[in-house]
Amino acid sequence: MKHTKREWLINVTDRAISENPNYFTINIKNEKGEKKLIALVYIQLHGSPKQMDEDKANAKLIAAAPELLEALIKAKKLIKDWHNMGTEDMGDGLWTIYEEKSPEMQPINNAIKKATQ
């Protein structure tokens, strides 16, 4: 995977980025503890409370993206192992069919593909 391999943190904007705190920032901290900006999520300050909650939820989802991707990849491997579809006895043929055709695997595969390609 090519994304930044550190925990992504959500913060209200630093003054260095904007004089108005109307962004959520998604940051990582490097080995020295310095922040590195990953993303900005605009907060519609003059919008409804519902809109502001939605903006914050979007920022939280972005911050959780690396962990969600890792969880999906692990879940996919666990599903394959649980069904014993990658064993020497069965080979990978049955897994290939299951992975491509089963409705429960499609959202997992689509999300992994969207995040990695």
N, C-alpha and C. Protein backbone atom coordinates (compact mmCIF):
# COMPACT_ATOMS: atom_id res chain seq x y z
N MET A 1 0.83 -1.17 0.00
CA MET A 1 0.00 0.00 0.00
C MET A 1 0.88 1.24 0.00
N LYS A 2 0.41 2.26 -0.66
CA LYS A 2 1.23 3.44 -0.87
C LYS A 2 0.89 4.61 0.07
N HIS A 3 -0.16 4.50 0.87
CA HIS A 3 -0.53 5.64 1.71
C HIS A 3 0.46 5.80 2.87
N THR A 4 0.39 6.96 3.53
CA THR A 4 1.28 7.26 4.64
C THR A 4 1.00 6.28 5.78
N LYS A 5 2.05 5.65 6.29
CA LYS A 5 1.91 4.54 7.22
C LYS A 5 1.92 4.95 8.69
N ARG A 6 1.33 6.02 9.03
CA ARG A 6 1.24 6.44 10.43
C ARG A 6 -0.22 6.67 10.78
N GLU A 7 -0.51 6.76 12.07
CA GLU A 7 -1.87 7.05 12.49
C GLU A 7 -2.28 8.42 11.97
N TRP A 8 -3.47 8.51 11.40
CA TRP A 8 -3.99 9.76 10.89
C TRP A 8 -4.82 10.40 12.00
N LEU A 9 -4.54 11.64 12.33
CA LEU A 9 -5.18 12.34 13.43
C LEU A 9 -6.06 13.46 12.89
N ILE A 10 -7.17 13.70 13.55
CA ILE A 10 -8.07 14.78 13.13
C ILE A 10 -7.94 15.92 14.14
N ASN A 11 -7.83 17.13 13.62
CA ASN A 11 -7.71 18.33 14.45
C ASN A 11 -8.50 19.46 13.84
N VAL A 12 -8.90 20.42 14.69
CA VAL A 12 -9.40 21.68 14.15
C VAL A 12 -8.18 22.41 13.61
N THR A 13 -8.35 23.16 12.55
CA THR A 13 -7.25 23.76 11.80
C THR A 13 -6.24 24.51 12.65
N ASP A 14 -4.99 24.36 12.29
CA ASP A 14 -3.91 25.16 12.86
C ASP A 14 -3.97 26.55 12.25
N ARG A 15 -3.62 27.55 13.01
CA ARG A 15 -3.63 28.93 12.51
C ARG A 15 -2.65 29.11 11.35
N ALA A 16 -1.65 28.27 11.27
CA ALA A 16 -0.67 28.39 10.18
C ALA A 16 -1.32 28.12 8.83
N ILE A 17 -2.41 27.37 8.82
CA ILE A 17 -3.06 27.03 7.56
C ILE A 17 -4.14 28.04 7.22
N SER A 18 -4.86 28.50 8.23
CA SER A 18 -5.97 29.39 7.96
C SER A 18 -6.21 30.29 9.17
N GLU A 19 -6.56 31.54 8.91
CA GLU A 19 -6.88 32.43 10.01
C GLU A 19 -8.27 32.14 10.58
N ASN A 20 -9.10 31.45 9.82
CA ASN A 20 -10.42 31.03 10.29
C ASN A 20 -10.39 29.55 10.58
N PRO A 21 -10.80 29.14 11.77
CA PRO A 21 -10.79 27.70 12.07
C PRO A 21 -12.01 27.01 11.46
N ASN A 22 -12.10 27.05 10.14
CA ASN A 22 -13.24 26.43 9.48
C ASN A 22 -12.82 25.25 8.60
N TYR A 23 -11.83 24.54 9.08
CA TYR A 23 -11.40 23.30 8.46
C TYR A 23 -11.11 22.30 9.56
N PHE A 24 -11.30 21.05 9.26
CA PHE A 24 -10.70 19.99 10.05
C PHE A 24 -9.46 19.58 9.29
N THR A 25 -8.37 19.34 9.98
CA THR A 25 -7.18 18.85 9.30
C THR A 25 -6.99 17.39 9.65
N ILE A 26 -6.49 16.64 8.70
CA ILE A 26 -6.09 15.26 8.92
C ILE A 26 -4.58 15.26 8.84
N ASN A 27 -3.91 14.93 9.93
CA ASN A 27 -2.45 15.00 10.02
C ASN A 27 -1.87 13.67 10.46
N ILE A 28 -0.58 13.53 10.23
CA ILE A 28 0.20 12.48 10.86
C ILE A 28 1.32 13.18 11.61
N LYS A 29 1.94 12.48 12.52
CA LYS A 29 3.14 13.00 13.17
C LYS A 29 4.31 12.14 12.74
N ASN A 30 5.39 12.79 12.31
CA ASN A 30 6.57 12.03 11.90
C ASN A 30 7.37 11.60 13.13
N GLU A 31 8.52 11.00 12.90
CA GLU A 31 9.34 10.48 13.99
C GLU A 31 9.74 11.57 14.98
N LYS A 32 9.83 12.81 14.52
CA LYS A 32 10.21 13.93 15.38
C LYS A 32 9.01 14.56 16.09
N GLY A 33 7.82 14.03 15.84
CA GLY A 33 6.61 14.59 16.44
C GLY A 33 6.04 15.78 15.69
N GLU A 34 6.61 16.07 14.50
CA GLU A 34 6.12 17.18 13.69
C GLU A 34 4.91 16.74 12.88
N LYS A 35 3.95 17.66 12.73
CA LYS A 35 2.75 17.35 11.96
C LYS A 35 3.00 17.43 10.47
N LYS A 36 2.37 16.51 9.74
CA LYS A 36 2.37 16.55 8.28
C LYS A 36 0.92 16.51 7.84
N LEU A 37 0.51 17.47 7.03
CA LEU A 37 -0.87 17.56 6.58
C LEU A 37 -1.17 16.47 5.55
N ILE A 38 -2.28 15.77 5.76
CA ILE A 38 -2.76 14.77 4.81
C ILE A 38 -3.94 15.32 4.02
N ALA A 39 -4.89 15.98 4.72
CA ALA A 39 -6.10 16.47 4.06
C ALA A 39 -6.73 17.60 4.86
N LEU A 40 -7.49 18.44 4.17
CA LEU A 40 -8.33 19.46 4.78
C LEU A 40 -9.78 19.12 4.48
N VAL A 41 -10.64 19.24 5.47
CA VAL A 41 -12.07 19.06 5.26
C VAL A 41 -12.75 20.36 5.67
N TYR A 42 -13.39 21.02 4.74
CA TYR A 42 -14.04 22.30 4.97
C TYR A 42 -15.26 22.12 5.86
N ILE A 43 -15.42 23.01 6.84
CA ILE A 43 -16.59 23.02 7.72
C ILE A 43 -17.47 24.18 7.29
N GLN A 44 -18.70 23.93 7.02
CA GLN A 44 -19.63 24.99 6.65
C GLN A 44 -20.14 25.64 7.94
N LEU A 45 -19.38 26.61 8.45
CA LEU A 45 -19.69 27.24 9.73
C LEU A 45 -21.06 27.91 9.77
N HIS A 46 -21.49 28.41 8.64
CA HIS A 46 -22.78 29.10 8.61
C HIS A 46 -23.90 28.17 8.14
N GLY A 47 -23.59 26.90 8.04
CA GLY A 47 -24.60 25.93 7.67
C GLY A 47 -25.37 25.47 8.90
N SER A 48 -26.24 24.55 8.69
CA SER A 48 -27.04 24.02 9.79
C SER A 48 -26.18 23.15 10.69
N PRO A 49 -26.61 22.93 11.94
CA PRO A 49 -25.88 22.00 12.80
C PRO A 49 -25.76 20.61 12.17
N LYS A 50 -26.79 20.20 11.43
CA LYS A 50 -26.74 18.91 10.74
C LYS A 50 -25.59 18.89 9.73
N GLN A 51 -25.42 20.00 8.98
CA GLN A 51 -24.35 20.07 7.99
C GLN A 51 -22.99 20.04 8.67
N MET A 52 -22.84 20.75 9.79
CA MET A 52 -21.57 20.77 10.51
C MET A 52 -21.25 19.37 11.05
N ASP A 53 -22.27 18.66 11.53
CA ASP A 53 -22.07 17.28 12.00
C ASP A 53 -21.62 16.38 10.85
N GLU A 54 -22.22 16.60 9.68
CA GLU A 54 -21.85 15.81 8.50
C GLU A 54 -20.40 16.09 8.09
N ASP A 55 -20.00 17.36 8.14
CA ASP A 55 -18.62 17.72 7.80
C ASP A 55 -17.64 17.04 8.76
N LYS A 56 -17.96 17.06 10.04
CA LYS A 56 -17.09 16.43 11.03
C LYS A 56 -17.05 14.91 10.81
N ALA A 57 -18.20 14.31 10.50
CA ALA A 57 -18.24 12.87 10.23
C ALA A 57 -17.39 12.52 9.01
N ASN A 58 -17.41 13.37 7.99
CA ASN A 58 -16.58 13.15 6.80
C ASN A 58 -15.10 13.18 7.17
N ALA A 59 -14.71 14.14 8.00
CA ALA A 59 -13.31 14.22 8.43
C ALA A 59 -12.91 12.98 9.22
N LYS A 60 -13.79 12.51 10.09
CA LYS A 60 -13.49 11.30 10.87
C LYS A 60 -13.34 10.08 9.96
N LEU A 61 -14.18 9.98 8.93
CA LEU A 61 -14.09 8.87 8.00
C LEU A 61 -12.77 8.89 7.24
N ILE A 62 -12.36 10.08 6.81
CA ILE A 62 -11.07 10.19 6.12
C ILE A 62 -9.93 9.78 7.05
N ALA A 63 -9.98 10.24 8.29
CA ALA A 63 -8.92 9.90 9.25
C ALA A 63 -8.86 8.41 9.54
N ALA A 64 -10.00 7.73 9.46
CA ALA A 64 -10.06 6.29 9.73
C ALA A 64 -9.72 5.44 8.51
N ALA A 65 -9.60 6.04 7.33
CA ALA A 65 -9.43 5.30 6.08
C ALA A 65 -8.30 4.27 6.10
N PRO A 66 -7.10 4.59 6.57
CA PRO A 66 -6.04 3.57 6.55
C PRO A 66 -6.37 2.34 7.39
N GLU A 67 -6.99 2.57 8.55
CA GLU A 67 -7.36 1.43 9.41
C GLU A 67 -8.49 0.62 8.80
N LEU A 68 -9.44 1.30 8.16
CA LEU A 68 -10.53 0.59 7.50
C LEU A 68 -10.01 -0.27 6.35
N LEU A 69 -9.08 0.27 5.57
CA LEU A 69 -8.50 -0.50 4.47
C LEU A 69 -7.77 -1.73 5.01
N GLU A 70 -6.97 -1.54 6.03
CA GLU A 70 -6.25 -2.67 6.63
C GLU A 70 -7.22 -3.72 7.16
N ALA A 71 -8.31 -3.28 7.78
CA ALA A 71 -9.30 -4.22 8.31
C ALA A 71 -9.97 -5.02 7.20
N LEU A 72 -10.27 -4.37 6.07
CA LEU A 72 -10.88 -5.08 4.94
C LEU A 72 -9.94 -6.12 4.35
N ILE A 73 -8.67 -5.76 4.23
CA ILE A 73 -7.69 -6.70 3.68
C ILE A 73 -7.55 -7.91 4.60
N LYS A 74 -7.51 -7.67 5.91
CA LYS A 74 -7.43 -8.78 6.87
C LYS A 74 -8.70 -9.62 6.85
N ALA A 75 -9.85 -8.96 6.75
CA ALA A 75 -11.13 -9.69 6.71
C ALA A 75 -11.20 -10.58 5.47
N LYS A 76 -10.74 -10.07 4.36
CA LYS A 76 -10.75 -10.86 3.11
C LYS A 76 -9.89 -12.11 3.25
N LYS A 77 -8.71 -11.95 3.85
CA LYS A 77 -7.83 -13.11 4.08
C LYS A 77 -8.48 -14.09 5.05
N LEU A 78 -9.11 -13.57 6.09
CA LEU A 78 -9.77 -14.42 7.07
C LEU A 78 -10.92 -15.20 6.44
N ILE A 79 -11.69 -14.55 5.59
CA ILE A 79 -12.79 -15.23 4.89
C ILE A 79 -12.24 -16.36 4.03
N LYS A 80 -11.18 -16.09 3.31
CA LYS A 80 -10.56 -17.12 2.47
C LYS A 80 -10.07 -18.29 3.33
N ASP A 81 -9.37 -17.98 4.42
CA ASP A 81 -8.86 -19.03 5.31
C ASP A 81 -9.99 -19.80 5.98
N TRP A 82 -11.04 -19.08 6.41
CA TRP A 82 -12.16 -19.71 7.11
C TRP A 82 -12.88 -20.71 6.21
N HIS A 83 -12.99 -20.36 4.95
CA HIS A 83 -13.63 -21.26 3.99
C HIS A 83 -12.66 -22.31 3.45
N ASN A 84 -11.40 -22.26 3.89
CA ASN A 84 -10.37 -23.18 3.42
C ASN A 84 -10.29 -23.20 1.90
N MET A 85 -10.40 -22.05 1.29
CA MET A 85 -10.39 -21.99 -0.17
C MET A 85 -9.02 -21.75 -0.75
N GLY A 86 -8.03 -21.62 0.09
CA GLY A 86 -6.69 -21.43 -0.44
C GLY A 86 -5.76 -22.55 -0.03
N THR A 87 -6.34 -23.68 0.35
CA THR A 87 -5.51 -24.80 0.80
C THR A 87 -4.96 -25.57 -0.40
N GLU A 88 -3.96 -26.36 -0.14
CA GLU A 88 -3.37 -27.17 -1.21
C GLU A 88 -4.38 -28.16 -1.77
N ASP A 89 -5.26 -28.67 -0.90
CA ASP A 89 -6.26 -29.65 -1.34
C ASP A 89 -7.22 -29.06 -2.37
N MET A 90 -7.65 -27.81 -2.13
CA MET A 90 -8.67 -27.22 -2.99
C MET A 90 -8.08 -26.28 -4.03
N GLY A 91 -6.87 -25.81 -3.82
CA GLY A 91 -6.29 -24.83 -4.73
C GLY A 91 -7.01 -23.50 -4.60
N ASP A 92 -6.67 -22.58 -5.46
CA ASP A 92 -7.28 -21.24 -5.40
C ASP A 92 -8.46 -21.09 -6.36
N GLY A 93 -8.79 -22.13 -7.13
CA GLY A 93 -9.87 -22.02 -8.11
C GLY A 93 -11.21 -21.71 -7.49
N LEU A 94 -11.54 -22.40 -6.40
CA LEU A 94 -12.82 -22.16 -5.73
C LEU A 94 -12.85 -20.76 -5.13
N TRP A 95 -11.73 -20.33 -4.56
CA TRP A 95 -11.67 -18.97 -4.00
C TRP A 95 -11.87 -17.93 -5.09
N THR A 96 -11.27 -18.12 -6.23
CA THR A 96 -11.40 -17.15 -7.33
C THR A 96 -12.86 -16.99 -7.72
N ILE A 97 -13.58 -18.09 -7.83
CA ILE A 97 -15.00 -18.02 -8.18
C ILE A 97 -15.78 -17.30 -7.07
N TYR A 98 -15.54 -17.70 -5.82
CA TYR A 98 -16.24 -17.09 -4.68
C TYR A 98 -15.95 -15.60 -4.59
N GLU A 99 -14.68 -15.25 -4.73
CA GLU A 99 -14.27 -13.85 -4.62
C GLU A 99 -14.91 -12.99 -5.70
N GLU A 100 -15.00 -13.50 -6.91
CA GLU A 100 -15.53 -12.73 -8.04
C GLU A 100 -17.05 -12.71 -8.10
N LYS A 101 -17.71 -13.79 -7.64
CA LYS A 101 -19.15 -13.93 -7.88
C LYS A 101 -20.03 -13.72 -6.65
N SER A 102 -19.51 -13.91 -5.46
CA SER A 102 -20.39 -13.85 -4.28
C SER A 102 -20.75 -12.40 -3.95
N PRO A 103 -22.03 -12.16 -3.65
CA PRO A 103 -22.46 -10.79 -3.37
C PRO A 103 -21.81 -10.20 -2.11
N GLU A 104 -21.46 -11.03 -1.14
CA GLU A 104 -20.84 -10.50 0.08
C GLU A 104 -19.40 -10.06 -0.13
N MET A 105 -18.73 -10.56 -1.16
CA MET A 105 -17.35 -10.14 -1.42
C MET A 105 -17.26 -8.88 -2.28
N GLN A 106 -18.31 -8.56 -3.00
CA GLN A 106 -18.26 -7.42 -3.92
C GLN A 106 -17.98 -6.09 -3.21
N PRO A 107 -18.67 -5.76 -2.10
CA PRO A 107 -18.36 -4.49 -1.45
C PRO A 107 -16.93 -4.44 -0.89
N ILE A 108 -16.45 -5.57 -0.40
CA ILE A 108 -15.07 -5.63 0.11
C ILE A 108 -14.10 -5.39 -1.02
N ASN A 109 -14.26 -6.12 -2.11
CA ASN A 109 -13.36 -5.96 -3.25
C ASN A 109 -13.43 -4.56 -3.84
N ASN A 110 -14.64 -4.00 -3.95
CA ASN A 110 -14.79 -2.67 -4.52
C ASN A 110 -14.10 -1.61 -3.66
N ALA A 111 -14.26 -1.72 -2.35
CA ALA A 111 -13.63 -0.74 -1.45
C ALA A 111 -12.10 -0.84 -1.49
N ILE A 112 -11.58 -2.06 -1.50
CA ILE A 112 -10.12 -2.24 -1.58
C ILE A 112 -9.60 -1.69 -2.90
N LYS A 113 -10.30 -2.00 -3.98
CA LYS A 113 -9.89 -1.51 -5.30
C LYS A 113 -9.92 0.02 -5.34
N LYS A 114 -10.98 0.62 -4.81
CA LYS A 114 -11.11 2.07 -4.83
C LYS A 114 -9.97 2.74 -4.05
N ALA A 115 -9.53 2.10 -2.99
CA ALA A 115 -8.48 2.68 -2.14
C ALA A 115 -7.07 2.43 -2.67
N THR A 116 -6.91 1.43 -3.52
CA THR A 116 -5.54 1.04 -3.90
C THR A 116 -5.23 1.23 -5.38
N GLN A 117 -6.19 1.44 -6.22
CA GLN A 117 -5.91 1.57 -7.66
C GLN A 117 -6.16 2.97 -8.16
